[in-house]
Structure formats: C-alpha cells, structure tokens
Amino acid sequence: KLTAVAFDKLPLKDAIKIVRGNGK
C-alpha cells in the first residue's frame, strides 16, 4: 500500500516507448 504506484503518475517521459500492434 505504501509503495503503490498509480500508472498515470509514472514519469513516462523517462521511459523508452515501445509500441506493438495497435498499442491500446
């Protein structure tokens, strides 16, 4: 609970984005 990470709070700009198929 203490370390739960909301996906929309992830710093996505610091990640490598890899899209496969429609990427949905």
mmCIF file of all heavy atoms, coordinates in Angstrom:
data_MODEL
# 
_entry.id   MODEL 
# 
loop_
_atom_site.group_PDB 
_atom_site.id 
_atom_site.type_symbol 
_atom_site.label_atom_id 
_atom_site.label_alt_id 
_atom_site.label_comp_id 
_atom_site.label_asym_id 
_atom_site.label_entity_id 
_atom_site.label_seq_id 
_atom_site.pdbx_PDB_ins_code 
_atom_site.Cartn_x 
_atom_site.Cartn_y 
_atom_site.Cartn_z 
_atom_site.occupancy 
_atom_site.B_iso_or_equiv 
_atom_site.pdbx_formal_charge 
_atom_site.auth_seq_id 
_atom_site.auth_comp_id 
_atom_site.auth_asym_id 
_atom_site.auth_atom_id 
_atom_site.pdbx_PDB_model_num 
ATOM 1   N N   . LYS A 1 1  ? 0.825  -1.205 0.000   1.00 0.00 ? 1  LYS A N   1 
ATOM 2   C CA  . LYS A 1 1  ? 0.000  0.000  0.000   1.00 0.00 ? 1  LYS A CA  1 
ATOM 3   C C   . LYS A 1 1  ? 0.859  1.254  0.000   1.00 0.00 ? 1  LYS A C   1 
ATOM 4   O O   . LYS A 1 1  ? 0.572  2.226  -0.700  1.00 0.00 ? 1  LYS A O   1 
ATOM 5   C CB  . LYS A 1 1  ? -0.934 0.005  1.217   1.00 0.00 ? 1  LYS A CB  1 
ATOM 6   C CG  . LYS A 1 1  ? -2.080 -0.997 1.131   1.00 0.00 ? 1  LYS A CG  1 
ATOM 7   C CD  . LYS A 1 1  ? -2.993 -0.883 2.336   1.00 0.00 ? 1  LYS A CD  1 
ATOM 8   C CE  . LYS A 1 1  ? -4.152 -1.871 2.242   1.00 0.00 ? 1  LYS A CE  1 
ATOM 9   N NZ  . LYS A 1 1  ? -5.049 -1.769 3.432   1.00 0.00 ? 1  LYS A NZ  1 
ATOM 10  N N   . LEU A 1 2  ? 1.924  1.218  0.796   1.00 0.00 ? 2  LEU A N   1 
ATOM 11  C CA  . LEU A 1 2  ? 2.803  2.386  0.898   1.00 0.00 ? 2  LEU A CA  1 
ATOM 12  C C   . LEU A 1 2  ? 3.539  2.668  -0.405  1.00 0.00 ? 2  LEU A C   1 
ATOM 13  O O   . LEU A 1 2  ? 3.858  3.824  -0.717  1.00 0.00 ? 2  LEU A O   1 
ATOM 14  C CB  . LEU A 1 2  ? 3.823  2.181  2.026   1.00 0.00 ? 2  LEU A CB  1 
ATOM 15  C CG  . LEU A 1 2  ? 3.287  2.234  3.452   1.00 0.00 ? 2  LEU A CG  1 
ATOM 16  C CD1 . LEU A 1 2  ? 4.350  1.768  4.436   1.00 0.00 ? 2  LEU A CD1 1 
ATOM 17  C CD2 . LEU A 1 2  ? 2.833  3.653  3.810   1.00 0.00 ? 2  LEU A CD2 1 
ATOM 18  N N   . THR A 1 3  ? 3.834  1.612  -1.158  1.00 0.00 ? 3  THR A N   1 
ATOM 19  C CA  . THR A 1 3  ? 4.630  1.778  -2.373  1.00 0.00 ? 3  THR A CA  1 
ATOM 20  C C   . THR A 1 3  ? 3.802  1.655  -3.645  1.00 0.00 ? 3  THR A C   1 
ATOM 21  O O   . THR A 1 3  ? 4.354  1.531  -4.741  1.00 0.00 ? 3  THR A O   1 
ATOM 22  C CB  . THR A 1 3  ? 5.771  0.744  -2.409  1.00 0.00 ? 3  THR A CB  1 
ATOM 23  O OG1 . THR A 1 3  ? 5.217  -0.587 -2.354  1.00 0.00 ? 3  THR A OG1 1 
ATOM 24  C CG2 . THR A 1 3  ? 6.729  0.935  -1.248  1.00 0.00 ? 3  THR A CG2 1 
ATOM 25  N N   . ALA A 1 4  ? 2.477  1.671  -3.516  1.00 0.00 ? 4  ALA A N   1 
ATOM 26  C CA  . ALA A 1 4  ? 1.616  1.573  -4.687  1.00 0.00 ? 4  ALA A CA  1 
ATOM 27  C C   . ALA A 1 4  ? 1.902  2.733  -5.642  1.00 0.00 ? 4  ALA A C   1 
ATOM 28  O O   . ALA A 1 4  ? 2.133  3.864  -5.221  1.00 0.00 ? 4  ALA A O   1 
ATOM 29  C CB  . ALA A 1 4  ? 0.152  1.586  -4.267  1.00 0.00 ? 4  ALA A CB  1 
ATOM 30  N N   . VAL A 1 5  ? 1.881  2.437  -6.944  1.00 0.00 ? 5  VAL A N   1 
ATOM 31  C CA  . VAL A 1 5  ? 2.180  3.450  -7.952  1.00 0.00 ? 5  VAL A CA  1 
ATOM 32  C C   . VAL A 1 5  ? 0.988  3.577  -8.896  1.00 0.00 ? 5  VAL A C   1 
ATOM 33  O O   . VAL A 1 5  ? 0.620  2.620  -9.580  1.00 0.00 ? 5  VAL A O   1 
ATOM 34  C CB  . VAL A 1 5  ? 3.432  3.068  -8.775  1.00 0.00 ? 5  VAL A CB  1 
ATOM 35  C CG1 . VAL A 1 5  ? 3.730  4.149  -9.806  1.00 0.00 ? 5  VAL A CG1 1 
ATOM 36  C CG2 . VAL A 1 5  ? 4.628  2.851  -7.861  1.00 0.00 ? 5  VAL A CG2 1 
ATOM 37  N N   . ALA A 1 6  ? 0.366  4.736  -8.917  1.00 0.00 ? 6  ALA A N   1 
ATOM 38  C CA  . ALA A 1 6  ? -0.709 4.993  -9.876  1.00 0.00 ? 6  ALA A CA  1 
ATOM 39  C C   . ALA A 1 6  ? -0.076 5.142  -11.261 1.00 0.00 ? 6  ALA A C   1 
ATOM 40  O O   . ALA A 1 6  ? 0.889  5.889  -11.431 1.00 0.00 ? 6  ALA A O   1 
ATOM 41  C CB  . ALA A 1 6  ? -1.472 6.258  -9.496  1.00 0.00 ? 6  ALA A CB  1 
ATOM 42  N N   . PHE A 1 7  ? -0.613 4.423  -12.234 1.00 0.00 ? 7  PHE A N   1 
ATOM 43  C CA  . PHE A 1 7  ? 0.003  4.401  -13.564 1.00 0.00 ? 7  PHE A CA  1 
ATOM 44  C C   . PHE A 1 7  ? 0.113  5.801  -14.158 1.00 0.00 ? 7  PHE A C   1 
ATOM 45  O O   . PHE A 1 7  ? 1.114  6.139  -14.795 1.00 0.00 ? 7  PHE A O   1 
ATOM 46  C CB  . PHE A 1 7  ? -0.809 3.495  -14.502 1.00 0.00 ? 7  PHE A CB  1 
ATOM 47  C CG  . PHE A 1 7  ? -0.056 3.085  -15.741 1.00 0.00 ? 7  PHE A CG  1 
ATOM 48  C CD1 . PHE A 1 7  ? 0.755  1.963  -15.740 1.00 0.00 ? 7  PHE A CD1 1 
ATOM 49  C CD2 . PHE A 1 7  ? -0.148 3.834  -16.907 1.00 0.00 ? 7  PHE A CD2 1 
ATOM 50  C CE1 . PHE A 1 7  ? 1.471  1.593  -16.878 1.00 0.00 ? 7  PHE A CE1 1 
ATOM 51  C CE2 . PHE A 1 7  ? 0.551  3.469  -18.044 1.00 0.00 ? 7  PHE A CE2 1 
ATOM 52  C CZ  . PHE A 1 7  ? 1.359  2.343  -18.027 1.00 0.00 ? 7  PHE A CZ  1 
ATOM 53  N N   . ASP A 1 8  ? -0.914 6.626  -13.924 1.00 0.00 ? 8  ASP A N   1 
ATOM 54  C CA  . ASP A 1 8  ? -0.890 7.971  -14.502 1.00 0.00 ? 8  ASP A CA  1 
ATOM 55  C C   . ASP A 1 8  ? 0.096  8.895  -13.792 1.00 0.00 ? 8  ASP A C   1 
ATOM 56  O O   . ASP A 1 8  ? 0.295  10.044 -14.208 1.00 0.00 ? 8  ASP A O   1 
ATOM 57  C CB  . ASP A 1 8  ? -2.286 8.601  -14.517 1.00 0.00 ? 8  ASP A CB  1 
ATOM 58  C CG  . ASP A 1 8  ? -2.903 8.703  -13.126 1.00 0.00 ? 8  ASP A CG  1 
ATOM 59  O OD1 . ASP A 1 8  ? -2.248 8.284  -12.145 1.00 0.00 ? 8  ASP A OD1 1 
ATOM 60  O OD2 . ASP A 1 8  ? -4.034 9.202  -13.036 1.00 0.00 ? 8  ASP A OD2 1 
ATOM 61  N N   . LYS A 1 9  ? 0.716  8.404  -12.717 1.00 0.00 ? 9  LYS A N   1 
ATOM 62  C CA  . LYS A 1 9  ? 1.743  9.188  -12.017 1.00 0.00 ? 9  LYS A CA  1 
ATOM 63  C C   . LYS A 1 9  ? 3.154  8.776  -12.424 1.00 0.00 ? 9  LYS A C   1 
ATOM 64  O O   . LYS A 1 9  ? 4.133  9.391  -11.984 1.00 0.00 ? 9  LYS A O   1 
ATOM 65  C CB  . LYS A 1 9  ? 1.577  9.022  -10.504 1.00 0.00 ? 9  LYS A CB  1 
ATOM 66  C CG  . LYS A 1 9  ? 0.239  9.486  -9.953  1.00 0.00 ? 9  LYS A CG  1 
ATOM 67  C CD  . LYS A 1 9  ? 0.003  10.970 -10.192 1.00 0.00 ? 9  LYS A CD  1 
ATOM 68  C CE  . LYS A 1 9  ? -1.321 11.409 -9.572  1.00 0.00 ? 9  LYS A CE  1 
ATOM 69  N NZ  . LYS A 1 9  ? -1.609 12.842 -9.844  1.00 0.00 ? 9  LYS A NZ  1 
ATOM 70  N N   . LEU A 1 10 ? 3.270  7.754  -13.252 1.00 0.00 ? 10 LEU A N   1 
ATOM 71  C CA  . LEU A 1 10 ? 4.588  7.323  -13.701 1.00 0.00 ? 10 LEU A CA  1 
ATOM 72  C C   . LEU A 1 10 ? 5.216  8.398  -14.588 1.00 0.00 ? 10 LEU A C   1 
ATOM 73  O O   . LEU A 1 10 ? 4.533  9.002  -15.430 1.00 0.00 ? 10 LEU A O   1 
ATOM 74  C CB  . LEU A 1 10 ? 4.484  6.021  -14.496 1.00 0.00 ? 10 LEU A CB  1 
ATOM 75  C CG  . LEU A 1 10 ? 4.237  4.732  -13.709 1.00 0.00 ? 10 LEU A CG  1 
ATOM 76  C CD1 . LEU A 1 10 ? 3.857  3.602  -14.660 1.00 0.00 ? 10 LEU A CD1 1 
ATOM 77  C CD2 . LEU A 1 10 ? 5.462  4.345  -12.898 1.00 0.00 ? 10 LEU A CD2 1 
ATOM 78  N N   . PRO A 1 11 ? 6.520  8.659  -14.441 1.00 0.00 ? 11 PRO A N   1 
ATOM 79  C CA  . PRO A 1 11 ? 7.201  9.651  -15.290 1.00 0.00 ? 11 PRO A CA  1 
ATOM 80  C C   . PRO A 1 11 ? 7.514  9.062  -16.662 1.00 0.00 ? 11 PRO A C   1 
ATOM 81  O O   . PRO A 1 11 ? 8.668  8.738  -16.969 1.00 0.00 ? 11 PRO A O   1 
ATOM 82  C CB  . PRO A 1 11 ? 8.462  9.957  -14.495 1.00 0.00 ? 11 PRO A CB  1 
ATOM 83  C CG  . PRO A 1 11 ? 8.738  8.690  -13.739 1.00 0.00 ? 11 PRO A CG  1 
ATOM 84  C CD  . PRO A 1 11 ? 7.407  8.095  -13.413 1.00 0.00 ? 11 PRO A CD  1 
ATOM 85  N N   . LEU A 1 12 ? 6.486  8.923  -17.499 1.00 0.00 ? 12 LEU A N   1 
ATOM 86  C CA  . LEU A 1 12 ? 6.630  8.204  -18.764 1.00 0.00 ? 12 LEU A CA  1 
ATOM 87  C C   . LEU A 1 12 ? 7.642  8.844  -19.706 1.00 0.00 ? 12 LEU A C   1 
ATOM 88  O O   . LEU A 1 12 ? 8.177  8.166  -20.590 1.00 0.00 ? 12 LEU A O   1 
ATOM 89  C CB  . LEU A 1 12 ? 5.260  8.099  -19.454 1.00 0.00 ? 12 LEU A CB  1 
ATOM 90  C CG  . LEU A 1 12 ? 4.171  7.360  -18.657 1.00 0.00 ? 12 LEU A CG  1 
ATOM 91  C CD1 . LEU A 1 12 ? 2.889  7.289  -19.476 1.00 0.00 ? 12 LEU A CD1 1 
ATOM 92  C CD2 . LEU A 1 12 ? 4.630  5.962  -18.263 1.00 0.00 ? 12 LEU A CD2 1 
ATOM 93  N N   . LYS A 1 13 ? 7.926  10.120 -19.508 1.00 0.00 ? 13 LYS A N   1 
ATOM 94  C CA  . LYS A 1 13 ? 8.927  10.784 -20.366 1.00 0.00 ? 13 LYS A CA  1 
ATOM 95  C C   . LYS A 1 13 ? 10.315 10.193 -20.158 1.00 0.00 ? 13 LYS A C   1 
ATOM 96  O O   . LYS A 1 13 ? 11.200 10.353 -21.013 1.00 0.00 ? 13 LYS A O   1 
ATOM 97  C CB  . LYS A 1 13 ? 8.949  12.286 -20.073 1.00 0.00 ? 13 LYS A CB  1 
ATOM 98  C CG  . LYS A 1 13 ? 9.490  12.653 -18.704 1.00 0.00 ? 13 LYS A CG  1 
ATOM 99  C CD  . LYS A 1 13 ? 9.463  14.146 -18.467 1.00 0.00 ? 13 LYS A CD  1 
ATOM 100 C CE  . LYS A 1 13 ? 10.136 14.531 -17.152 1.00 0.00 ? 13 LYS A CE  1 
ATOM 101 N NZ  . LYS A 1 13 ? 9.532  13.862 -15.977 1.00 0.00 ? 13 LYS A NZ  1 
ATOM 102 N N   . ASP A 1 14 ? 10.520 9.517  -19.042 1.00 0.00 ? 14 ASP A N   1 
ATOM 103 C CA  . ASP A 1 14 ? 11.819 8.926  -18.729 1.00 0.00 ? 14 ASP A CA  1 
ATOM 104 C C   . ASP A 1 14 ? 11.907 7.456  -19.153 1.00 0.00 ? 14 ASP A C   1 
ATOM 105 O O   . ASP A 1 14 ? 12.858 6.762  -18.786 1.00 0.00 ? 14 ASP A O   1 
ATOM 106 C CB  . ASP A 1 14 ? 12.106 9.038  -17.231 1.00 0.00 ? 14 ASP A CB  1 
ATOM 107 C CG  . ASP A 1 14 ? 12.313 10.479 -16.795 1.00 0.00 ? 14 ASP A CG  1 
ATOM 108 O OD1 . ASP A 1 14 ? 12.671 11.317 -17.654 1.00 0.00 ? 14 ASP A OD1 1 
ATOM 109 O OD2 . ASP A 1 14 ? 12.108 10.772 -15.606 1.00 0.00 ? 14 ASP A OD2 1 
ATOM 110 N N   . ALA A 1 15 ? 10.908 7.001  -19.906 1.00 0.00 ? 15 ALA A N   1 
ATOM 111 C CA  . ALA A 1 15 ? 10.881 5.606  -20.353 1.00 0.00 ? 15 ALA A CA  1 
ATOM 112 C C   . ALA A 1 15 ? 11.074 5.527  -21.865 1.00 0.00 ? 15 ALA A C   1 
ATOM 113 O O   . ALA A 1 15 ? 10.822 6.489  -22.599 1.00 0.00 ? 15 ALA A O   1 
ATOM 114 C CB  . ALA A 1 15 ? 9.560  4.959  -19.965 1.00 0.00 ? 15 ALA A CB  1 
ATOM 115 N N   . ILE A 1 16 ? 11.514 4.373  -22.327 1.00 0.00 ? 16 ILE A N   1 
ATOM 116 C CA  . ILE A 1 16 ? 11.567 4.078  -23.757 1.00 0.00 ? 16 ILE A CA  1 
ATOM 117 C C   . ILE A 1 16 ? 10.202 3.520  -24.144 1.00 0.00 ? 16 ILE A C   1 
ATOM 118 O O   . ILE A 1 16 ? 9.756  2.519  -23.581 1.00 0.00 ? 16 ILE A O   1 
ATOM 119 C CB  . ILE A 1 16 ? 12.684 3.061  -24.076 1.00 0.00 ? 16 ILE A CB  1 
ATOM 120 C CG1 . ILE A 1 16 ? 14.054 3.649  -23.723 1.00 0.00 ? 16 ILE A CG1 1 
ATOM 121 C CG2 . ILE A 1 16 ? 12.642 2.657  -25.541 1.00 0.00 ? 16 ILE A CG2 1 
ATOM 122 C CD1 . ILE A 1 16 ? 15.197 2.651  -23.850 1.00 0.00 ? 16 ILE A CD1 1 
ATOM 123 N N   . LYS A 1 17 ? 9.559  4.161  -25.095 1.00 0.00 ? 17 LYS A N   1 
ATOM 124 C CA  . LYS A 1 17 ? 8.207  3.754  -25.505 1.00 0.00 ? 17 LYS A CA  1 
ATOM 125 C C   . LYS A 1 17 ? 8.300  2.765  -26.660 1.00 0.00 ? 17 LYS A C   1 
ATOM 126 O O   . LYS A 1 17 ? 8.860  3.062  -27.711 1.00 0.00 ? 17 LYS A O   1 
ATOM 127 C CB  . LYS A 1 17 ? 7.395  4.981  -25.916 1.00 0.00 ? 17 LYS A CB  1 
ATOM 128 C CG  . LYS A 1 17 ? 5.941  4.686  -26.267 1.00 0.00 ? 17 LYS A CG  1 
ATOM 129 C CD  . LYS A 1 17 ? 5.211  5.984  -26.622 1.00 0.00 ? 17 LYS A CD  1 
ATOM 130 C CE  . LYS A 1 17 ? 3.769  5.723  -27.003 1.00 0.00 ? 17 LYS A CE  1 
ATOM 131 N NZ  . LYS A 1 17 ? 3.062  6.990  -27.361 1.00 0.00 ? 17 LYS A NZ  1 
ATOM 132 N N   . ILE A 1 18 ? 7.741  1.574  -26.448 1.00 0.00 ? 18 ILE A N   1 
ATOM 133 C CA  . ILE A 1 18 ? 7.767  0.511  -27.459 1.00 0.00 ? 18 ILE A CA  1 
ATOM 134 C C   . ILE A 1 18 ? 6.319  0.135  -27.776 1.00 0.00 ? 18 ILE A C   1 
ATOM 135 O O   . ILE A 1 18 ? 5.573  -0.296 -26.894 1.00 0.00 ? 18 ILE A O   1 
ATOM 136 C CB  . ILE A 1 18 ? 8.541  -0.716 -26.943 1.00 0.00 ? 18 ILE A CB  1 
ATOM 137 C CG1 . ILE A 1 18 ? 9.977  -0.319 -26.558 1.00 0.00 ? 18 ILE A CG1 1 
ATOM 138 C CG2 . ILE A 1 18 ? 8.550  -1.830 -27.985 1.00 0.00 ? 18 ILE A CG2 1 
ATOM 139 C CD1 . ILE A 1 18 ? 10.715 -1.376 -25.768 1.00 0.00 ? 18 ILE A CD1 1 
ATOM 140 N N   . VAL A 1 19 ? 5.919  0.320  -29.025 1.00 0.00 ? 19 VAL A N   1 
ATOM 141 C CA  . VAL A 1 19 ? 4.530  0.057  -29.434 1.00 0.00 ? 19 VAL A CA  1 
ATOM 142 C C   . VAL A 1 19 ? 4.482  -1.177 -30.316 1.00 0.00 ? 19 VAL A C   1 
ATOM 143 O O   . VAL A 1 19 ? 5.219  -1.279 -31.307 1.00 0.00 ? 19 VAL A O   1 
ATOM 144 C CB  . VAL A 1 19 ? 3.934  1.264  -30.176 1.00 0.00 ? 19 VAL A CB  1 
ATOM 145 C CG1 . VAL A 1 19 ? 2.486  0.976  -30.580 1.00 0.00 ? 19 VAL A CG1 1 
ATOM 146 C CG2 . VAL A 1 19 ? 4.009  2.515  -29.303 1.00 0.00 ? 19 VAL A CG2 1 
ATOM 147 N N   . ARG A 1 20 ? 3.601  -2.105 -29.962 1.00 0.00 ? 20 ARG A N   1 
ATOM 148 C CA  . ARG A 1 20 ? 3.379  -3.306 -30.767 1.00 0.00 ? 20 ARG A CA  1 
ATOM 149 C C   . ARG A 1 20 ? 1.911  -3.351 -31.174 1.00 0.00 ? 20 ARG A C   1 
ATOM 150 O O   . ARG A 1 20 ? 1.019  -3.172 -30.334 1.00 0.00 ? 20 ARG A O   1 
ATOM 151 C CB  . ARG A 1 20 ? 3.756  -4.564 -29.988 1.00 0.00 ? 20 ARG A CB  1 
ATOM 152 C CG  . ARG A 1 20 ? 5.232  -4.628 -29.602 1.00 0.00 ? 20 ARG A CG  1 
ATOM 153 C CD  . ARG A 1 20 ? 5.635  -6.021 -29.137 1.00 0.00 ? 20 ARG A CD  1 
ATOM 154 N NE  . ARG A 1 20 ? 7.049  -6.067 -28.773 1.00 0.00 ? 20 ARG A NE  1 
ATOM 155 C CZ  . ARG A 1 20 ? 7.504  -6.073 -27.525 1.00 0.00 ? 20 ARG A CZ  1 
ATOM 156 N NH1 . ARG A 1 20 ? 6.656  -6.049 -26.509 1.00 0.00 ? 20 ARG A NH1 1 
ATOM 157 N NH2 . ARG A 1 20 ? 8.803  -6.117 -27.284 1.00 0.00 ? 20 ARG A NH2 1 
ATOM 158 N N   . GLY A 1 21 ? 1.663  -3.610 -32.463 1.00 0.00 ? 21 GLY A N   1 
ATOM 159 C CA  . GLY A 1 21 ? 0.288  -3.659 -32.949 1.00 0.00 ? 21 GLY A CA  1 
ATOM 160 C C   . GLY A 1 21 ? -0.397 -2.318 -32.780 1.00 0.00 ? 21 GLY A C   1 
ATOM 161 O O   . GLY A 1 21 ? 0.189  -1.262 -33.040 1.00 0.00 ? 21 GLY A O   1 
ATOM 162 N N   . ASN A 1 22 ? -1.646 -2.347 -32.299 1.00 0.00 ? 22 ASN A N   1 
ATOM 163 C CA  . ASN A 1 22 ? -2.383 -1.091 -32.130 1.00 0.00 ? 22 ASN A CA  1 
ATOM 164 C C   . ASN A 1 22 ? -2.000 -0.345 -30.847 1.00 0.00 ? 22 ASN A C   1 
ATOM 165 O O   . ASN A 1 22 ? -2.395 0.804  -30.643 1.00 0.00 ? 22 ASN A O   1 
ATOM 166 C CB  . ASN A 1 22 ? -3.899 -1.338 -32.170 1.00 0.00 ? 22 ASN A CB  1 
ATOM 167 C CG  . ASN A 1 22 ? -4.369 -2.282 -31.057 1.00 0.00 ? 22 ASN A CG  1 
ATOM 168 O OD1 . ASN A 1 22 ? -3.803 -2.329 -29.961 1.00 0.00 ? 22 ASN A OD1 1 
ATOM 169 N ND2 . ASN A 1 22 ? -5.418 -3.050 -31.343 1.00 0.00 ? 22 ASN A ND2 1 
ATOM 170 N N   . GLY A 1 23 ? -1.246 -0.996 -29.975 1.00 0.00 ? 23 GLY A N   1 
ATOM 171 C CA  . GLY A 1 23 ? -0.732 -0.334 -28.772 1.00 0.00 ? 23 GLY A CA  1 
ATOM 172 C C   . GLY A 1 23 ? -1.778 0.102  -27.770 1.00 0.00 ? 23 GLY A C   1 
ATOM 173 O O   . GLY A 1 23 ? -1.480 0.912  -26.878 1.00 0.00 ? 23 GLY A O   1 
ATOM 174 N N   . LYS A 1 24 ? -2.999 -0.426 -27.859 1.00 0.00 ? 24 LYS A N   1 
ATOM 175 C CA  . LYS A 1 24 ? -4.078 0.044  -26.983 1.00 0.00 ? 24 LYS A CA  1 
ATOM 176 C C   . LYS A 1 24 ? -3.842 -0.302 -25.515 1.00 0.00 ? 24 LYS A C   1 
ATOM 177 O O   . LYS A 1 24 ? -4.155 0.474  -24.623 1.00 0.00 ? 24 LYS A O   1 
ATOM 178 C CB  . LYS A 1 24 ? -5.415 -0.545 -27.448 1.00 0.00 ? 24 LYS A CB  1 
ATOM 179 C CG  . LYS A 1 24 ? -5.940 0.075  -28.733 1.00 0.00 ? 24 LYS A CG  1 
ATOM 180 C CD  . LYS A 1 24 ? -7.308 -0.480 -29.071 1.00 0.00 ? 24 LYS A CD  1 
ATOM 181 C CE  . LYS A 1 24 ? -7.873 0.198  -30.325 1.00 0.00 ? 24 LYS A CE  1 
ATOM 182 N NZ  . LYS A 1 24 ? -9.218 -0.322 -30.666 1.00 0.00 ? 24 LYS A NZ  1 
# 
